[in-house]
Amino acid sequence: MTIGFDGRVAIVTGSGGGLGRCHALALASRGAKVVVNDIGADGAASDSALRVVEEIRTAGGVAMADGADVVNFEQITAMVARTEIEWGRIDILVNNAGILRDKSFAKMEMSDFERVVRVHLIGSANCSKAVWTGMRERNYGRIVFTSSASGIYGNFGQANYGAAKAAMIGLMNVLHLEGAKYGIRVNTLAPTAATAMTDGLLTPDEAALLSPESVTPAVLFLASEGAPARGIIGAGVFAVTRIEETRGVYLSEAERSPETIAARWEEISHAPSYPLEDALSQTRKFAELASLARGRSPS
């Protein structure tokens, strides 16, 4: 089966270079019309975005550049309106735009914490909100968020970036539930690649193995008609991250103390685990455990 995007329209944020550039080029090479979003001076598209558009057009594809700032909702809605006027629809949104302001938490200015969270989290929410109504009306949409191992597992000196990237997973989980009946599939990419954002963090040998091009096939899969839903996909080398919860242990009122939790911690933390569908699933699971422990049949 060949995955193609003929007739589809995609927006890729932060696509003037690095991973975003690779995503935009690849989507266009398979038939998508692509908005190359990258902010330049005075709100215009960056020179890098214009160069990516020229690359796409030279290769026979269709693209236009846009300089909307992802943290500015008015600019993002204007970009979406312009795209819909030009091409009639938006089928795919790849939330790729991001920045780094790395420092240990002790030395980090809160302005840098807030700035990183705004670009990654608020920027992704702004873009998703701007395309959401159109995707619902057309009963079709593919949204890809970009997380990171720093958000899933942690990384020294990246409290701001890790918090923002972990938030991508929470946003994905909710939008998956709200968008599923409208044909909107929402997933999260957790890429590992050598880009300007990882300069100095990878050895030359590691960087050579983890090119931006090695990540993009996962984006094409997540943007395709046959995409999964609510997946957290590691890319560069491809893997799936799952969030799971142990079965749980009910403690009676007489046992319900921190000392009992400490004494039974191995049982609580090392029981078999499995994923939950939503927050209410956890509530119902806990109610069921409590009912069973009290000798009642769960309702």
C-alpha atoms as a PDB file:
ATOM      1  CA  MET A   1       0.000   0.000   0.000  1.00  0.00           C
ATOM      2  CA  THR A   2       1.311   3.412  -0.973  1.00  0.00           C
ATOM      3  CA  ILE A   3       0.469   6.336   1.297  1.00  0.00           C
ATOM      4  CA  GLY A   4      -0.355   9.456  -0.673  1.00  0.00           C
ATOM      5  CA  PHE A   5      -1.854  12.870  -0.027  1.00  0.00           C
ATOM      6  CA  ASP A   6      -3.306  13.913  -3.377  1.00  0.00           C
ATOM      7  CA  GLY A   7      -6.032  16.489  -2.760  1.00  0.00           C
ATOM      8  CA  ARG A   8      -5.048  16.975   0.872  1.00  0.00           C
ATOM      9  CA  VAL A   9      -4.015  20.287   2.434  1.00  0.00           C
ATOM     10  CA  ALA A  10      -1.490  20.407   5.256  1.00  0.00           C
ATOM     11  CA  ILE A  11      -0.121  23.061   7.604  1.00  0.00           C
ATOM     12  CA  VAL A  12       3.281  22.404   9.144  1.00  0.00           C
ATOM     13  CA  THR A  13       4.326  24.908  11.793  1.00  0.00           C
ATOM     14  CA  GLY A  14       7.964  25.781  12.315  1.00  0.00           C
ATOM     15  CA  SER A  15       8.794  24.293   8.938  1.00  0.00           C
ATOM     16  CA  GLY A  16      11.507  26.675   7.790  1.00  0.00           C
ATOM     17  CA  GLY A  17      14.177  24.190   8.818  1.00  0.00           C
ATOM     18  CA  GLY A  18      14.968  21.007  10.719  1.00  0.00           C
ATOM     19  CA  LEU A  19      12.204  18.497  11.253  1.00  0.00           C
ATOM     20  CA  GLY A  20       9.445  20.802  10.017  1.00  0.00           C
ATOM     21  CA  ARG A  21      11.191  21.340   6.696  1.00  0.00           C
ATOM     22  CA  CYS A  22      11.528  17.586   6.208  1.00  0.00           C
ATOM     23  CA  HIS A  23       7.852  17.059   7.066  1.00  0.00           C
ATOM     24  CA  ALA A  24       6.725  19.763   4.638  1.00  0.00           C
ATOM     25  CA  LEU A  25       8.902  18.499   1.791  1.00  0.00           C
ATOM     26  CA  ALA A  26       7.757  14.919   2.274  1.00  0.00           C
ATOM     27  CA  LEU A  27       4.054  15.770   2.434  1.00  0.00           C
ATOM     28  CA  ALA A  28       4.374  17.859  -0.722  1.00  0.00           C
ATOM     29  CA  SER A  29       6.328  15.136  -2.524  1.00  0.00           C
ATOM     30  CA  ARG A  30       3.355  12.815  -1.979  1.00  0.00           C
ATOM     31  CA  GLY A  31       0.769  15.235  -3.313  1.00  0.00           C
ATOM     32  CA  ALA A  32      -0.278  17.465  -0.422  1.00  0.00           C
ATOM     33  CA  LYS A  33      -0.605  21.214  -0.764  1.00  0.00           C
ATOM     34  CA  VAL A  34       1.497  22.552   2.104  1.00  0.00           C
ATOM     35  CA  VAL A  35       1.511  25.742   4.149  1.00  0.00           C
ATOM     36  CA  VAL A  36       5.098  26.276   5.277  1.00  0.00           C
ATOM     37  CA  ASN A  37       4.684  28.240   8.490  1.00  0.00           C
ATOM     38  CA  ASP A  38       7.730  29.932  10.001  1.00  0.00           C
ATOM     39  CA  ILE A  39       7.814  33.357  11.604  1.00  0.00           C
ATOM     40  CA  GLY A  40      10.159  36.007  10.227  1.00  0.00           C
ATOM     41  CA  ALA A  41      10.645  39.720  10.786  1.00  0.00           C
ATOM     42  CA  ASP A  42       7.548  41.854  11.395  1.00  0.00           C
ATOM     43  CA  GLY A  43       5.217  38.875  11.090  1.00  0.00           C
ATOM     44  CA  ALA A  44       6.258  37.990   7.559  1.00  0.00           C
ATOM     45  CA  ALA A  45       7.247  34.459   6.597  1.00  0.00           C
ATOM     46  CA  SER A  46      10.891  33.775   7.296  1.00  0.00           C
ATOM     47  CA  ASP A  47      13.438  33.595   4.491  1.00  0.00           C
ATOM     48  CA  SER A  48      13.840  29.933   5.419  1.00  0.00           C
ATOM     49  CA  ALA A  49      10.130  29.306   4.833  1.00  0.00           C
ATOM     50  CA  LEU A  50      10.336  30.986   1.448  1.00  0.00           C
ATOM     51  CA  ARG A  51      13.252  28.743   0.527  1.00  0.00           C
ATOM     52  CA  VAL A  52      11.318  25.626   1.537  1.00  0.00           C
ATOM     53  CA  VAL A  53       8.373  26.760  -0.595  1.00  0.00           C
ATOM     54  CA  GLU A  54      10.739  27.246  -3.522  1.00  0.00           C
ATOM     55  CA  GLU A  55      12.155  23.738  -2.980  1.00  0.00           C
ATOM     56  CA  ILE A  56       8.648  22.300  -3.087  1.00  0.00           C
ATOM     57  CA  ARG A  57       7.653  24.237  -6.189  1.00  0.00           C
ATOM     58  CA  THR A  58      10.885  23.370  -7.998  1.00  0.00           C
ATOM     59  CA  ALA A  59      10.113  19.707  -7.354  1.00  0.00           C
ATOM     60  CA  GLY A  60       6.649  20.152  -8.878  1.00  0.00           C
ATOM     61  CA  GLY A  61       4.694  20.512  -5.643  1.00  0.00           C
ATOM     62  CA  VAL A  62       2.304  23.156  -4.354  1.00  0.00           C
ATOM     63  CA  ALA A  63       3.098  25.293  -1.319  1.00  0.00           C
ATOM     64  CA  MET A  64       2.821  28.733   0.185  1.00  0.00           C
ATOM     65  CA  ALA A  65       4.637  30.395   3.060  1.00  0.00           C
ATOM     66  CA  ASP A  66       3.065  32.012   6.096  1.00  0.00           C
ATOM     67  CA  GLY A  67       4.655  33.891   8.990  1.00  0.00           C
ATOM     68  CA  ALA A  68       1.933  33.578  11.630  1.00  0.00           C
ATOM     69  CA  ASP A  69       3.267  33.368  15.181  1.00  0.00           C
ATOM     70  CA  VAL A  70       1.798  30.267  16.836  1.00  0.00           C
ATOM     71  CA  VAL A  71       1.325  32.091  20.148  1.00  0.00           C
ATOM     72  CA  ASN A  72      -0.855  34.719  18.456  1.00  0.00           C
ATOM     73  CA  PHE A  73      -4.323  33.242  17.918  1.00  0.00           C
ATOM     74  CA  GLU A  74      -5.460  36.057  15.626  1.00  0.00           C
ATOM     75  CA  GLN A  75      -2.502  35.484  13.313  1.00  0.00           C
ATOM     76  CA  ILE A  76      -3.119  31.729  13.310  1.00  0.00           C
ATOM     77  CA  THR A  77      -6.826  32.113  12.490  1.00  0.00           C
ATOM     78  CA  ALA A  78      -5.844  34.456   9.666  1.00  0.00           C
ATOM     79  CA  MET A  79      -3.431  31.831   8.316  1.00  0.00           C
ATOM     80  CA  VAL A  80      -6.159  29.186   8.447  1.00  0.00           C
ATOM     81  CA  ALA A  81      -8.670  31.501   6.730  1.00  0.00           C
ATOM     82  CA  ARG A  82      -6.151  32.329   4.004  1.00  0.00           C
ATOM     83  CA  THR A  83      -5.478  28.627   3.437  1.00  0.00           C
ATOM     84  CA  GLU A  84      -9.165  27.777   3.201  1.00  0.00           C
ATOM     85  CA  ILE A  85      -9.761  30.625   0.741  1.00  0.00           C
ATOM     86  CA  GLU A  86      -6.809  29.499  -1.380  1.00  0.00           C
ATOM     87  CA  TRP A  87      -7.271  25.725  -1.226  1.00  0.00           C
ATOM     88  CA  GLY A  88     -10.737  25.143   0.255  1.00  0.00           C
ATOM     89  CA  ARG A  89      -9.857  23.004   3.260  1.00  0.00           C
ATOM     90  CA  ILE A  90      -7.281  21.896   5.816  1.00  0.00           C
ATOM     91  CA  ASP A  91      -6.919  18.168   6.346  1.00  0.00           C
ATOM     92  CA  ILE A  92      -3.625  17.885   8.206  1.00  0.00           C
ATOM     93  CA  LEU A  93      -1.988  19.930  10.950  1.00  0.00           C
ATOM     94  CA  VAL A  94       1.522  19.118  12.098  1.00  0.00           C
ATOM     95  CA  ASN A  95       2.318  21.079  15.266  1.00  0.00           C
ATOM     96  CA  ASN A  96       6.090  21.261  15.017  1.00  0.00           C
ATOM     97  CA  ALA A  97       7.046  24.821  16.036  1.00  0.00           C
ATOM     98  CA  GLY A  98       9.185  25.043  19.144  1.00  0.00           C
ATOM     99  CA  ILE A  99      12.008  26.765  20.979  1.00  0.00           C
ATOM    100  CA  LEU A 100      14.529  25.912  23.702  1.00  0.00           C
ATOM    101  CA  ARG A 101      15.616  27.971  26.701  1.00  0.00           C
ATOM    102  CA  ASP A 102      17.647  25.388  28.598  1.00  0.00           C
ATOM    103  CA  LYS A 103      18.922  25.986  32.124  1.00  0.00           C
ATOM    104  CA  SER A 104      18.740  24.129  35.406  1.00  0.00           C
ATOM    105  CA  PHE A 105      15.559  24.986  37.291  1.00  0.00           C
ATOM    106  CA  ALA A 106      17.535  26.787  39.996  1.00  0.00           C
ATOM    107  CA  LYS A 107      18.967  29.189  37.411  1.00  0.00           C
ATOM    108  CA  MET A 108      15.983  29.439  35.065  1.00  0.00           C
ATOM    109  CA  GLU A 109      14.101  32.718  34.753  1.00  0.00           C
ATOM    110  CA  MET A 110      10.355  32.180  34.939  1.00  0.00           C
ATOM    111  CA  SER A 111       9.977  34.333  31.827  1.00  0.00           C
ATOM    112  CA  ASP A 112      11.916  31.638  29.945  1.00  0.00           C
ATOM    113  CA  PHE A 113       9.762  28.932  31.506  1.00  0.00           C
ATOM    114  CA  GLU A 114       6.597  30.699  30.383  1.00  0.00           C
ATOM    115  CA  ARG A 115       7.914  31.485  26.903  1.00  0.00           C
ATOM    116  CA  VAL A 116       8.747  27.852  26.147  1.00  0.00           C
ATOM    117  CA  VAL A 117       5.392  26.629  27.465  1.00  0.00           C
ATOM    118  CA  ARG A 118       3.572  29.277  25.417  1.00  0.00           C
ATOM    119  CA  VAL A 119       5.263  28.334  22.151  1.00  0.00           C
ATOM    120  CA  HIS A 120       4.882  24.578  22.528  1.00  0.00           C
ATOM    121  CA  LEU A 121       1.597  24.206  24.412  1.00  0.00           C
ATOM    122  CA  ILE A 122      -0.380  27.379  23.699  1.00  0.00           C
ATOM    123  CA  GLY A 123       0.979  27.470  20.145  1.00  0.00           C
ATOM    124  CA  SER A 124      -0.171  23.911  19.487  1.00  0.00           C
ATOM    125  CA  ALA A 125      -3.554  24.599  21.090  1.00  0.00           C
ATOM    126  CA  ASN A 126      -3.993  27.775  19.024  1.00  0.00           C
ATOM    127  CA  CYS A 127      -3.303  25.978  15.759  1.00  0.00           C
ATOM    128  CA  SER A 128      -5.491  23.007  16.644  1.00  0.00           C
ATOM    129  CA  LYS A 129      -8.363  25.264  17.708  1.00  0.00           C
ATOM    130  CA  ALA A 130      -8.122  27.237  14.464  1.00  0.00           C
ATOM    131  CA  VAL A 131      -8.524  24.112  12.282  1.00  0.00           C
ATOM    132  CA  TRP A 132     -10.900  22.227  14.591  1.00  0.00           C
ATOM    133  CA  THR A 133     -14.246  23.581  13.360  1.00  0.00           C
ATOM    134  CA  GLY A 134     -13.400  22.945   9.717  1.00  0.00           C
ATOM    135  CA  MET A 135     -12.243  19.406  10.426  1.00  0.00           C
ATOM    136  CA  ARG A 136     -15.430  18.677  12.373  1.00  0.00           C
ATOM    137  CA  GLU A 137     -17.599  20.050   9.571  1.00  0.00           C
ATOM    138  CA  ARG A 138     -15.805  17.931   6.957  1.00  0.00           C
ATOM    139  CA  ASN A 139     -15.686  14.849   9.215  1.00  0.00           C
ATOM    140  CA  TYR A 140     -11.986  14.460   8.563  1.00  0.00           C
ATOM    141  CA  GLY A 141      -8.774  15.634  10.156  1.00  0.00           C
ATOM    142  CA  ARG A 142      -5.306  14.517  11.147  1.00  0.00           C
ATOM    143  CA  ILE A 143      -3.503  16.402  13.924  1.00  0.00           C
ATOM    144  CA  VAL A 144       0.031  15.586  14.979  1.00  0.00           C
ATOM    145  CA  PHE A 145       1.500  17.042  18.161  1.00  0.00           C
ATOM    146  CA  THR A 146       5.234  16.989  18.818  1.00  0.00           C
ATOM    147  CA  SER A 147       6.337  15.796  22.231  1.00  0.00           C
ATOM    148  CA  SER A 148       9.778  14.675  23.365  1.00  0.00           C
ATOM    149  CA  ALA A 149      11.539  12.143  25.559  1.00  0.00           C
ATOM    150  CA  SER A 150      12.295  15.159  27.758  1.00  0.00           C
ATOM    151  CA  GLY A 151       8.577  15.427  28.498  1.00  0.00           C
ATOM    152  CA  ILE A 152       7.930  11.709  28.812  1.00  0.00           C
ATOM    153  CA  TYR A 153      11.022  10.729  30.801  1.00  0.00           C
ATOM    154  CA  GLY A 154      12.705  13.989  31.853  1.00  0.00           C
ATOM    155  CA  ASN A 155      16.007  15.634  30.958  1.00  0.00           C
ATOM    156  CA  PHE A 156      18.306  17.738  33.117  1.00  0.00           C
ATOM    157  CA  GLY A 157      18.068  21.464  32.405  1.00  0.00           C
ATOM    158  CA  GLN A 158      14.746  21.276  30.545  1.00  0.00           C
ATOM    159  CA  ALA A 159      12.025  21.860  33.141  1.00  0.00           C
ATOM    160  CA  ASN A 160      10.252  24.307  30.821  1.00  0.00           C
ATOM    161  CA  TYR A 161      10.607  22.185  27.689  1.00  0.00           C
ATOM    162  CA  GLY A 162       9.785  18.940  29.506  1.00  0.00           C
ATOM    163  CA  ALA A 163       6.629  20.411  31.039  1.00  0.00           C
ATOM    164  CA  ALA A 164       5.487  21.748  27.670  1.00  0.00           C
ATOM    165  CA  LYS A 165       6.194  18.484  25.887  1.00  0.00           C
ATOM    166  CA  ALA A 166       4.418  16.398  28.507  1.00  0.00           C
ATOM    167  CA  ALA A 167       1.409  18.690  28.052  1.00  0.00           C
ATOM    168  CA  MET A 168       1.186  17.600  24.411  1.00  0.00           C
ATOM    169  CA  ILE A 169       0.127  14.151  25.595  1.00  0.00           C
ATOM    170  CA  GLY A 170      -2.649  15.499  27.802  1.00  0.00           C
ATOM    171  CA  LEU A 171      -3.943  17.714  25.000  1.00  0.00           C
ATOM    172  CA  MET A 172      -3.850  14.799  22.570  1.00  0.00           C
ATOM    173  CA  ASN A 173      -5.802  12.548  24.953  1.00  0.00           C
ATOM    174  CA  VAL A 174      -8.682  15.007  25.258  1.00  0.00           C
ATOM    175  CA  LEU A 175      -8.825  16.010  21.592  1.00  0.00           C
ATOM    176  CA  HIS A 176      -8.816  12.326  20.631  1.00  0.00           C
ATOM    177  CA  LEU A 177     -11.952  11.783  22.712  1.00  0.00           C
ATOM    178  CA  GLU A 178     -13.678  14.904  21.409  1.00  0.00           C
ATOM    179  CA  GLY A 179     -12.689  14.462  17.769  1.00  0.00           C
ATOM    180  CA  ALA A 180     -13.104  10.728  17.186  1.00  0.00           C
ATOM    181  CA  LYS A 181     -16.760  10.837  16.122  1.00  0.00           C
ATOM    182  CA  TYR A 182     -15.911  13.545  13.585  1.00  0.00           C
ATOM    183  CA  GLY A 183     -13.204  11.519  11.873  1.00  0.00           C
ATOM    184  CA  ILE A 184     -10.397  13.497  13.507  1.00  0.00           C
ATOM    185  CA  ARG A 185      -7.438  11.368  14.535  1.00  0.00           C
ATOM    186  CA  VAL A 186      -4.972  12.925  16.933  1.00  0.00           C
ATOM    187  CA  ASN A 187      -1.522  11.535  17.661  1.00  0.00           C
ATOM    188  CA  THR A 188       1.772  12.620  19.180  1.00  0.00           C
ATOM    189  CA  LEU A 189       5.241  12.343  17.696  1.00  0.00           C
ATOM    190  CA  ALA A 190       8.185  11.952  20.088  1.00  0.00           C
ATOM    191  CA  PRO A 191      11.123  12.448  17.743  1.00  0.00           C
ATOM    192  CA  THR A 192      14.824  12.014  18.310  1.00  0.00           C
ATOM    193  CA  ALA A 193      16.864  13.743  15.642  1.00  0.00           C
ATOM    194  CA  ALA A 194      19.894  15.917  15.129  1.00  0.00           C
ATOM    195  CA  THR A 195      18.653  19.464  14.496  1.00  0.00           C
ATOM    196  CA  ALA A 196      19.641  22.985  15.488  1.00  0.00           C
ATOM    197  CA  MET A 197      17.784  22.378  18.762  1.00  0.00           C
ATOM    198  CA  THR A 198      20.123  19.480  19.661  1.00  0.00           C
ATOM    199  CA  ASP A 199      23.417  21.137  18.735  1.00  0.00           C
ATOM    200  CA  GLY A 200      25.971  20.185  21.356  1.00  0.00           C
ATOM    201  CA  LEU A 201      23.727  17.526  22.906  1.00  0.00           C
ATOM    202  CA  LEU A 202      24.573  14.662  20.532  1.00  0.00           C
ATOM    203  CA  THR A 203      27.956  13.288  19.545  1.00  0.00           C
ATOM    204  CA  PRO A 204      28.832  13.511  15.831  1.00  0.00           C
ATOM    205  CA  ASP A 205      28.310   9.760  15.493  1.00  0.00           C
ATOM    206  CA  GLU A 206      24.868   9.960  17.133  1.00  0.00           C
ATOM    207  CA  ALA A 207      23.890  12.946  15.010  1.00  0.00           C
ATOM    208  CA  ALA A 208      24.849  11.087  11.833  1.00  0.00           C
ATOM    209  CA  LEU A 209      22.539   8.220  12.761  1.00  0.00           C
ATOM    210  CA  LEU A 210      19.568  10.423  13.699  1.00  0.00           C
ATOM    211  CA  SER A 211      18.901  12.746  10.786  1.00  0.00           C
ATOM    212  CA  PRO A 212      15.644  14.731  10.564  1.00  0.00           C
ATOM    213  CA  GLU A 213      14.766  12.671   7.485  1.00  0.00           C
ATOM    214  CA  SER A 214      14.706   9.543   9.648  1.00  0.00           C
ATOM    215  CA  VAL A 215      11.780  10.942  11.657  1.00  0.00           C
ATOM    216  CA  THR A 216       9.459  12.134   8.882  1.00  0.00           C
ATOM    217  CA  PRO A 217       8.099   8.711   7.808  1.00  0.00           C
ATOM    218  CA  ALA A 218       6.273   8.570  11.145  1.00  0.00           C
ATOM    219  CA  VAL A 219       4.640  11.937  10.438  1.00  0.00           C
ATOM    220  CA  LEU A 220       3.474  10.719   7.031  1.00  0.00           C
ATOM    221  CA  PHE A 221       1.950   7.656   8.689  1.00  0.00           C
ATOM    222  CA  LEU A 222       0.227   9.717  11.400  1.00  0.00           C
ATOM    223  CA  ALA A 223      -1.099  12.172   8.794  1.00  0.00           C
ATOM    224  CA  SER A 224      -2.442   9.449   6.495  1.00  0.00           C
ATOM    225  CA  GLU A 225      -5.990   8.190   6.054  1.00  0.00           C
ATOM    226  CA  GLY A 226      -5.051   4.967   7.840  1.00  0.00           C
ATOM    227  CA  ALA A 227      -3.513   6.721  10.836  1.00  0.00           C
ATOM    228  CA  PRO A 228      -3.995   5.287  14.316  1.00  0.00           C
ATOM    229  CA  ALA A 229      -5.485   7.395  17.102  1.00  0.00           C
ATOM    230  CA  ARG A 230      -4.018   8.560  20.402  1.00  0.00           C
ATOM    231  CA  GLY A 231      -0.618   7.079  19.711  1.00  0.00           C
ATOM    232  CA  ILE A 232       2.668   8.316  21.148  1.00  0.00           C
ATOM    233  CA  ILE A 233       5.154   7.374  18.461  1.00  0.00           C
ATOM    234  CA  GLY A 234       8.883   7.571  18.963  1.00  0.00           C
ATOM    235  CA  ALA A 235      10.621   8.320  15.698  1.00  0.00           C
ATOM    236  CA  GLY A 236      14.144   8.191  14.347  1.00  0.00           C
ATOM    237  CA  VAL A 237      13.988   4.594  15.440  1.00  0.00           C
ATOM    238  CA  PHE A 238      10.302   3.780  15.679  1.00  0.00           C
ATOM    239  CA  ALA A 239       8.632   2.806  18.947  1.00  0.00           C
ATOM    240  CA  VAL A 240       5.377   3.303  20.841  1.00  0.00           C
ATOM    241  CA  THR A 241       5.131   4.786  24.334  1.00  0.00           C
ATOM    242  CA  ARG A 242       2.204   3.638  26.464  1.00  0.00           C
ATOM    243  CA  ILE A 243       0.794   5.166  29.635  1.00  0.00           C
ATOM    244  CA  GLU A 244      -0.497   2.408  31.865  1.00  0.00           C
ATOM    245  CA  GLU A 245      -1.777   2.003  35.411  1.00  0.00           C
ATOM    246  CA  THR A 246      -1.440  -0.904  37.824  1.00  0.00           C
ATOM    247  CA  ARG A 247      -4.574  -2.707  38.934  1.00  0.00           C
ATOM    248  CA  GLY A 248      -4.605  -0.960  42.305  1.00  0.00           C
ATOM    249  CA  VAL A 249      -5.136  -2.027  45.904  1.00  0.00           C
ATOM    250  CA  TYR A 250      -8.185  -1.055  47.933  1.00  0.00           C
ATOM    251  CA  LEU A 251      -7.539  -0.242  51.581  1.00  0.00           C
ATOM    252  CA  SER A 252     -10.343  -0.348  54.105  1.00  0.00           C
ATOM    253  CA  GLU A 253     -10.889   2.651  56.328  1.00  0.00           C
ATOM    254  CA  ALA A 254      -9.023   0.939  59.164  1.00  0.00           C
ATOM    255  CA  GLU A 255      -6.035   0.251  56.880  1.00  0.00           C
ATOM    256  CA  ARG A 256      -6.039   3.585  55.080  1.00  0.00           C
ATOM    257  CA  SER A 257      -2.802   5.116  56.325  1.00  0.00           C
ATOM    258  CA  PRO A 258       0.550   6.126  54.849  1.00  0.00           C
ATOM    259  CA  GLU A 259       2.149   3.293  56.832  1.00  0.00           C
ATOM    260  CA  THR A 260      -0.055   0.700  55.126  1.00  0.00           C
ATOM    261  CA  ILE A 261       0.727   2.184  51.714  1.00  0.00           C
ATOM    262  CA  ALA A 262       4.429   1.950  52.556  1.00  0.00           C
ATOM    263  CA  ALA A 263       4.082  -1.649  53.734  1.00  0.00           C
ATOM    264  CA  ARG A 264       2.183  -2.707  50.610  1.00  0.00           C
ATOM    265  CA  TRP A 265       4.074  -0.519  48.126  1.00  0.00           C
ATOM    266  CA  GLU A 266       5.507  -3.452  46.174  1.00  0.00           C
ATOM    267  CA  GLU A 267       2.012  -4.848  45.654  1.00  0.00           C
ATOM    268  CA  ILE A 268       0.632  -1.432  44.680  1.00  0.00           C
ATOM    269  CA  SER A 269       3.418  -0.477  42.299  1.00  0.00           C
ATOM    270  CA  HIS A 270       4.433  -3.775  40.709  1.00  0.00           C
ATOM    271  CA  ALA A 271       1.084  -5.347  39.877  1.00  0.00           C
ATOM    272  CA  PRO A 272       0.323  -5.947  36.180  1.00  0.00           C
ATOM    273  CA  SER A 273      -0.578  -2.737  34.385  1.00  0.00           C
ATOM    274  CA  TYR A 274      -2.778  -1.817  31.446  1.00  0.00           C
ATOM    275  CA  PRO A 275      -3.902   1.347  29.632  1.00  0.00           C
ATOM    276  CA  LEU A 276      -7.114   3.221  30.437  1.00  0.00           C
ATOM    277  CA  GLU A 277      -9.414   4.774  27.865  1.00  0.00           C
ATOM    278  CA  ASP A 278     -10.149   8.002  29.745  1.00  0.00           C
ATOM    279  CA  ALA A 279     -10.264   9.585  33.212  1.00  0.00           C
ATOM    280  CA  LEU A 280     -13.701   8.128  33.971  1.00  0.00           C
ATOM    281  CA  SER A 281     -12.309   4.643  33.322  1.00  0.00           C
ATOM    282  CA  GLN A 282     -10.006   5.128  36.295  1.00  0.00           C
ATOM    283  CA  THR A 283     -12.874   6.356  38.484  1.00  0.00           C
ATOM    284  CA  ARG A 284     -14.958   3.311  37.579  1.00  0.00           C
ATOM    285  CA  LYS A 285     -12.018   0.975  38.152  1.00  0.00           C
ATOM    286  CA  PHE A 286     -11.472   2.390  41.625  1.00  0.00           C
ATOM    287  CA  ALA A 287     -15.186   2.109  42.414  1.00  0.00           C
ATOM    288  CA  GLU A 288     -15.161  -1.511  41.237  1.00  0.00           C
ATOM    289  CA  LEU A 289     -12.161  -2.376  43.426  1.00  0.00           C
ATOM    290  CA  ALA A 290     -13.788  -0.750  46.428  1.00  0.00           C
ATOM    291  CA  SER A 291     -17.052  -2.628  45.820  1.00  0.00           C
ATOM    292  CA  LEU A 292     -15.309  -5.971  45.419  1.00  0.00           C
ATOM    293  CA  ALA A 293     -13.201  -5.412  48.524  1.00  0.00           C
ATOM    294  CA  ARG A 294     -16.371  -4.749  50.518  1.00  0.00           C
ATOM    295  CA  GLY A 295     -17.997  -7.915  49.209  1.00  0.00           C
ATOM    296  CA  ARG A 296     -20.383  -6.160  46.862  1.00  0.00           C
ATOM    297  CA  SER A 297     -20.958  -6.756  43.195  1.00  0.00           C
ATOM    298  CA  PRO A 298     -19.920  -3.740  41.112  1.00  0.00           C
ATOM    299  CA  SER A 299     -22.920  -1.897  39.672  1.00  0.00           C
END
